[in-house]
Amino acid sequence: MSTSTTLINAPRKRTKGYGAAFNTCLGFLVLVILGAVLAPWIAPYAPDEIDFSAIWTSPGAGHLFGTDQLGRDIFSRVLFGARESLIGPLLLLALATVLGVLIGTLAAWHGGWVDTLLARITDVMFAFPGLLFVVLVIAVFGKGPATAILALALAYAPVIAKFTRSIALAELSRPYIDAYRIQGVSAPMICLRYLIPNMSPALLGYLVVLFGEGLMSLATLSFLGFGAQPPSSEWGLMVQEGQAGIIQGHLWPTLAPGLVIAAVVVAVNIVGVRLSDQLNVKKP
């Protein structure tokens, strides 16, 4: 699938600690999550509260990020929108990870024709334009956040499967795998209790980076009208709805959610890459 992030699985020099950039980005993400959780208590307005007397209000004390074309408070909508904007990528990655890890582990474990067949299937999906595949799924099942999550999960599964296969092949060459086989431990038990847990450090950093991609992809689908629907305050939909004010010079309805998306994606990428550096330590 063309929508993929490639992490080079090569040894890196491990530095002491996670670094200031990691700590700063992690702190920012914690604040975003807290804002989403506490939105009903800290948001000054309801996300769908309309006030026609305050249309296109500039940022100020009464409205921190200003208001949109319906007089809705943008800061409140960003806080409430964080819920849908963050939960969506989590759900799609959960589904994609189950499928991808299953396919990648099966391919690496069995090898032979099973590996070849699964590799051909994933190669075909990689060759298929990612956005076109997602649009086709949405055309069949209808637009909406649930369909967007399902479509992207199917699109990301081959990406995770390919990465899982690569690290599983390296892990299967380690002596403990043969030791458990000689002891008569079943293949499912070896995979579930030993192989997959030993692969999890490498997978964790990779999935954190994919979370940022998933957030951006869902926001893009909402922007195009395929994902979240009004009156949702999902960030991508907020960017789309705010376009009407750009020509009139009202930038904040689009700028505020757009900047939040960019900041979260950058922070997630930095955290993910740093986690990959620290956790994916080459075993002796």
Protein backbone atom coordinates (compact mmCIF):
# COMPACT_ATOMS: atom_id res chain seq x y z
CA MET A 1 0.00 0.00 0.00
CA SER A 2 1.40 3.37 -0.97
CA THR A 3 0.34 5.03 2.32
CA SER A 4 3.11 3.75 4.56
CA THR A 5 5.86 4.91 6.84
CA THR A 6 9.21 3.16 6.53
CA LEU A 7 11.41 2.78 9.56
CA ILE A 8 14.85 1.41 8.76
CA ASN A 9 15.39 -1.52 11.09
CA ALA A 10 19.12 -0.90 11.47
CA PRO A 11 21.17 -0.71 14.65
CA ARG A 12 21.47 2.81 16.01
CA LYS A 13 23.79 4.12 18.64
CA ARG A 14 21.76 4.22 21.81
CA THR A 15 21.99 7.48 23.67
CA LYS A 16 21.44 7.90 27.37
CA GLY A 17 17.90 8.93 28.21
CA TYR A 18 15.13 10.00 25.89
CA GLY A 19 16.19 13.60 25.41
CA ALA A 20 14.55 17.00 25.83
CA ALA A 21 12.64 16.80 22.53
CA PHE A 22 11.02 13.51 23.58
CA ASN A 23 10.07 14.85 27.00
CA THR A 24 8.65 18.06 25.55
CA CYS A 25 6.58 16.24 22.92
CA LEU A 26 5.37 13.66 25.42
CA GLY A 27 4.34 16.43 27.81
CA PHE A 28 2.44 18.16 25.01
CA LEU A 29 0.62 14.94 24.09
CA VAL A 30 -0.30 14.38 27.73
CA LEU A 31 -1.82 17.88 27.82
CA VAL A 32 -3.80 17.16 24.65
CA ILE A 33 -5.13 13.91 26.12
CA LEU A 34 -6.03 15.64 29.40
CA GLY A 35 -7.80 18.36 27.43
CA ALA A 36 -9.85 15.72 25.62
CA VAL A 37 -10.74 13.90 28.83
CA LEU A 38 -11.57 17.04 30.80
CA ALA A 39 -13.29 18.88 27.94
CA PRO A 40 -16.77 18.84 29.54
CA TRP A 41 -15.35 20.61 32.60
CA ILE A 42 -12.76 22.98 31.14
CA ALA A 43 -14.33 23.99 27.82
CA PRO A 44 -16.04 27.38 28.21
CA TYR A 45 -18.85 26.46 25.80
CA ALA A 46 -20.59 23.40 24.41
CA PRO A 47 -19.03 22.35 21.09
CA ASP A 48 -22.30 22.81 19.17
CA GLU A 49 -23.50 25.96 20.95
CA ILE A 50 -24.54 28.44 18.25
CA ASP A 51 -24.44 32.21 18.81
CA PHE A 52 -25.35 34.23 15.72
CA SER A 53 -24.40 37.43 17.54
CA ALA A 54 -20.77 36.25 17.75
CA ILE A 55 -20.11 35.06 14.19
CA TRP A 56 -16.46 35.26 13.09
CA THR A 57 -15.33 36.72 16.41
CA SER A 58 -11.56 37.26 16.58
CA PRO A 59 -9.49 35.50 19.27
CA GLY A 60 -9.79 37.23 22.61
CA ALA A 61 -10.68 36.82 26.26
CA GLY A 62 -14.23 35.67 25.54
CA HIS A 63 -13.22 33.26 22.80
CA LEU A 64 -9.60 32.13 23.03
CA PHE A 65 -9.44 30.90 19.40
CA GLY A 66 -12.33 33.04 18.12
CA THR A 67 -15.58 31.69 16.68
CA ASP A 68 -16.67 30.13 13.38
CA GLN A 69 -19.38 30.95 10.85
CA LEU A 70 -22.09 29.84 13.29
CA GLY A 71 -20.66 31.64 16.30
CA ARG A 72 -19.41 28.40 17.87
CA ASP A 73 -16.38 28.70 20.13
CA ILE A 74 -13.39 27.22 18.32
CA PHE A 75 -11.35 26.49 21.46
CA SER A 76 -14.22 24.44 22.91
CA ARG A 77 -14.66 22.58 19.62
CA VAL A 78 -10.93 21.78 19.46
CA LEU A 79 -11.06 20.35 23.01
CA PHE A 80 -14.12 18.21 22.34
CA GLY A 81 -12.85 17.29 18.87
CA ALA A 82 -9.71 15.83 20.40
CA ARG A 83 -11.78 12.89 21.59
CA GLU A 84 -12.89 11.74 18.15
CA SER A 85 -9.63 12.81 16.53
CA LEU A 86 -7.52 10.68 18.91
CA ILE A 87 -9.82 7.70 19.43
CA GLY A 88 -10.22 7.15 15.67
CA PRO A 89 -6.51 6.44 15.02
CA LEU A 90 -6.39 4.18 18.09
CA LEU A 91 -9.28 2.08 16.80
CA LEU A 92 -7.93 1.77 13.27
CA LEU A 93 -4.46 0.85 14.55
CA ALA A 94 -5.92 -1.74 16.93
CA LEU A 95 -7.71 -3.47 14.05
CA ALA A 96 -4.81 -3.06 11.63
CA THR A 97 -2.33 -4.38 14.23
CA VAL A 98 -4.35 -7.53 14.90
CA LEU A 99 -4.57 -8.28 11.18
CA GLY A 100 -1.02 -7.21 10.37
CA VAL A 101 0.69 -9.04 13.23
CA LEU A 102 -1.32 -12.19 12.49
CA ILE A 103 -0.44 -12.15 8.80
CA GLY A 104 3.20 -11.20 9.33
CA THR A 105 3.75 -13.81 12.06
CA LEU A 106 2.10 -16.58 10.02
CA ALA A 107 4.20 -15.71 6.98
CA ALA A 108 7.45 -15.74 8.95
CA TRP A 109 6.62 -18.89 10.95
CA HIS A 110 5.46 -21.14 8.11
CA GLY A 111 7.62 -19.80 5.30
CA GLY A 112 7.39 -21.64 1.98
CA TRP A 113 4.17 -21.29 0.01
CA VAL A 114 2.35 -19.64 2.92
CA ASP A 115 4.96 -16.88 3.08
CA THR A 116 4.91 -16.52 -0.71
CA LEU A 117 1.11 -16.34 -0.88
CA LEU A 118 0.80 -13.77 1.92
CA ALA A 119 3.69 -11.76 0.46
CA ARG A 120 1.95 -11.63 -2.93
CA ILE A 121 -1.32 -10.49 -1.34
CA THR A 122 0.38 -7.71 0.61
CA ASP A 123 2.41 -6.68 -2.46
CA VAL A 124 -0.81 -6.33 -4.47
CA MET A 125 -2.31 -4.12 -1.76
CA PHE A 126 0.89 -2.06 -1.62
CA ALA A 127 0.72 -1.50 -5.36
CA PHE A 128 -2.89 -0.32 -5.14
CA PRO A 129 -3.18 3.46 -4.52
CA GLY A 130 -4.04 3.86 -0.86
CA LEU A 131 -6.53 6.72 -1.20
CA LEU A 132 -8.31 4.97 -4.08
CA PHE A 133 -8.66 1.80 -2.01
CA VAL A 134 -10.12 3.76 0.92
CA VAL A 135 -12.56 5.62 -1.36
CA LEU A 136 -13.71 2.30 -2.88
CA VAL A 137 -14.41 0.86 0.57
CA ILE A 138 -16.34 4.00 1.54
CA ALA A 139 -18.28 3.82 -1.75
CA VAL A 140 -19.40 0.29 -0.86
CA PHE A 141 -20.19 0.78 2.83
CA GLY A 142 -21.09 4.48 2.89
CA LYS A 143 -19.31 7.49 4.36
CA GLY A 144 -18.87 8.10 8.07
CA PRO A 145 -16.23 7.74 10.78
CA ALA A 146 -16.78 3.99 11.26
CA THR A 147 -16.33 3.26 7.57
CA ALA A 148 -13.28 5.52 7.38
CA ILE A 149 -11.68 3.67 10.30
CA LEU A 150 -12.42 0.28 8.71
CA ALA A 151 -11.07 1.34 5.33
CA LEU A 152 -7.85 2.75 6.78
CA ALA A 153 -7.39 -0.31 9.01
CA LEU A 154 -7.49 -2.53 5.92
CA ALA A 155 -5.06 -0.17 4.21
CA TYR A 156 -2.59 -0.16 7.11
CA ALA A 157 -2.73 -3.92 7.81
CA PRO A 158 -0.30 -4.85 4.97
CA VAL A 159 2.12 -2.17 6.18
CA ILE A 160 2.17 -3.67 9.66
CA ALA A 161 2.29 -7.21 8.26
CA LYS A 162 5.39 -6.45 6.22
CA PHE A 163 7.15 -4.87 9.19
CA THR A 164 6.10 -7.71 11.51
CA ARG A 165 7.37 -10.34 9.08
CA SER A 166 10.80 -8.71 8.91
CA ILE A 167 11.31 -8.64 12.67
CA ALA A 168 9.70 -12.06 13.15
CA LEU A 169 12.18 -13.65 10.74
CA ALA A 170 15.05 -12.24 12.77
CA GLU A 171 13.47 -13.39 16.04
CA LEU A 172 12.80 -16.91 14.73
CA SER A 173 16.52 -17.41 14.14
CA ARG A 174 17.22 -17.11 17.86
CA PRO A 175 18.03 -20.29 19.83
CA TYR A 176 15.11 -20.10 22.26
CA ILE A 177 12.62 -20.77 19.43
CA ASP A 178 14.29 -24.11 18.60
CA ALA A 179 14.51 -24.92 22.31
CA TYR A 180 10.76 -24.56 22.76
CA ARG A 181 10.09 -26.56 19.61
CA ILE A 182 12.26 -29.41 20.89
CA GLN A 183 10.35 -29.33 24.19
CA GLY A 184 7.14 -29.88 22.26
CA VAL A 185 5.61 -26.47 22.89
CA SER A 186 2.91 -25.80 20.28
CA ALA A 187 3.41 -23.17 17.61
CA PRO A 188 0.51 -20.96 18.78
CA MET A 189 1.87 -21.03 22.34
CA ILE A 190 5.39 -20.09 21.20
CA CYS A 191 4.03 -17.22 19.13
CA LEU A 192 1.66 -15.87 21.75
CA ARG A 193 3.84 -16.27 24.84
CA TYR A 194 7.34 -15.67 23.48
CA LEU A 195 7.63 -14.54 19.85
CA ILE A 196 5.10 -11.70 19.76
CA PRO A 197 6.05 -10.31 23.21
CA ASN A 198 9.71 -10.24 22.13
CA MET A 199 8.74 -8.36 18.97
CA SER A 200 6.62 -5.82 20.86
CA PRO A 201 9.41 -3.28 21.59
CA ALA A 202 10.14 -2.88 17.88
CA LEU A 203 6.44 -2.84 17.05
CA LEU A 204 5.63 -0.23 19.69
CA GLY A 205 7.79 2.54 18.26
CA TYR A 206 6.58 1.75 14.74
CA LEU A 207 2.91 1.84 15.77
CA VAL A 208 3.34 5.15 17.57
CA VAL A 209 4.60 6.70 14.32
CA LEU A 210 1.73 5.08 12.42
CA PHE A 211 -0.67 6.67 14.91
CA GLY A 212 0.37 10.07 13.58
CA GLU A 213 -0.22 8.89 10.03
CA GLY A 214 -3.59 7.48 11.00
CA LEU A 215 -4.63 10.75 12.62
CA MET A 216 -3.64 12.68 9.51
CA SER A 217 -5.37 10.18 7.20
CA LEU A 218 -8.65 10.31 9.15
CA ALA A 219 -8.50 14.11 9.23
CA THR A 220 -7.96 14.11 5.46
CA LEU A 221 -10.97 11.87 4.89
CA SER A 222 -13.10 14.12 7.08
CA PHE A 223 -11.83 17.15 5.18
CA LEU A 224 -12.90 15.48 1.91
CA GLY A 225 -16.32 14.67 3.33
CA PHE A 226 -15.84 10.91 3.71
CA GLY A 227 -15.19 10.72 7.45
CA ALA A 228 -16.77 12.64 10.33
CA GLN A 229 -19.98 14.48 9.47
CA PRO A 230 -21.49 17.70 10.90
CA PRO A 231 -22.06 18.71 13.65
CA SER A 232 -18.96 16.75 14.74
CA SER A 233 -15.99 18.80 15.97
CA GLU A 234 -13.42 16.36 14.56
CA TRP A 235 -10.35 18.38 13.63
CA GLY A 236 -10.27 17.55 9.92
CA LEU A 237 -13.93 18.46 9.55
CA MET A 238 -13.29 21.74 11.41
CA VAL A 239 -10.58 22.62 8.87
CA GLN A 240 -13.00 21.91 6.02
CA GLU A 241 -15.81 23.95 7.56
CA GLY A 242 -13.49 26.87 8.27
CA GLN A 243 -12.56 27.32 4.61
CA ALA A 244 -15.57 29.55 4.05
CA GLY A 245 -14.02 32.28 6.19
CA ILE A 246 -10.57 32.33 4.57
CA ILE A 247 -11.67 34.56 1.67
CA GLN A 248 -13.19 36.99 4.16
CA GLY A 249 -9.98 37.04 6.20
CA HIS A 250 -11.16 34.80 9.05
CA LEU A 251 -8.26 32.36 9.38
CA TRP A 252 -8.65 30.96 12.90
CA PRO A 253 -11.53 28.54 12.19
CA THR A 254 -9.16 26.71 9.83
CA LEU A 255 -5.82 27.65 11.36
CA ALA A 256 -6.53 26.50 14.93
CA PRO A 257 -7.49 22.86 14.21
CA GLY A 258 -4.90 22.68 11.43
CA LEU A 259 -2.10 23.74 13.75
CA VAL A 260 -3.26 21.28 16.41
CA ILE A 261 -3.23 18.43 13.87
CA ALA A 262 0.27 19.38 12.72
CA ALA A 263 1.60 19.74 16.27
CA VAL A 264 0.16 16.40 17.42
CA VAL A 265 1.48 14.55 14.35
CA VAL A 266 4.97 16.02 14.76
CA ALA A 267 4.99 15.25 18.50
CA VAL A 268 3.81 11.68 17.91
CA ASN A 269 6.48 11.11 15.26
CA ILE A 270 9.26 12.37 17.55
CA VAL A 271 8.02 10.22 20.42
CA GLY A 272 7.67 7.18 18.16
CA VAL A 273 11.12 7.45 16.61
CA ARG A 274 12.73 8.00 20.00
CA LEU A 275 10.88 5.03 21.46
CA SER A 276 12.10 2.94 18.54
CA ASP A 277 15.67 4.03 19.26
CA GLN A 278 15.43 3.18 22.94
CA LEU A 279 13.34 0.01 22.89
CA ASN A 280 14.55 -1.71 19.74
CA VAL A 281 17.91 -2.64 21.25
CA LYS A 282 19.80 -5.33 19.41
CA LYS A 283 19.76 -8.50 21.51
CA PRO A 284 23.04 -10.34 22.10
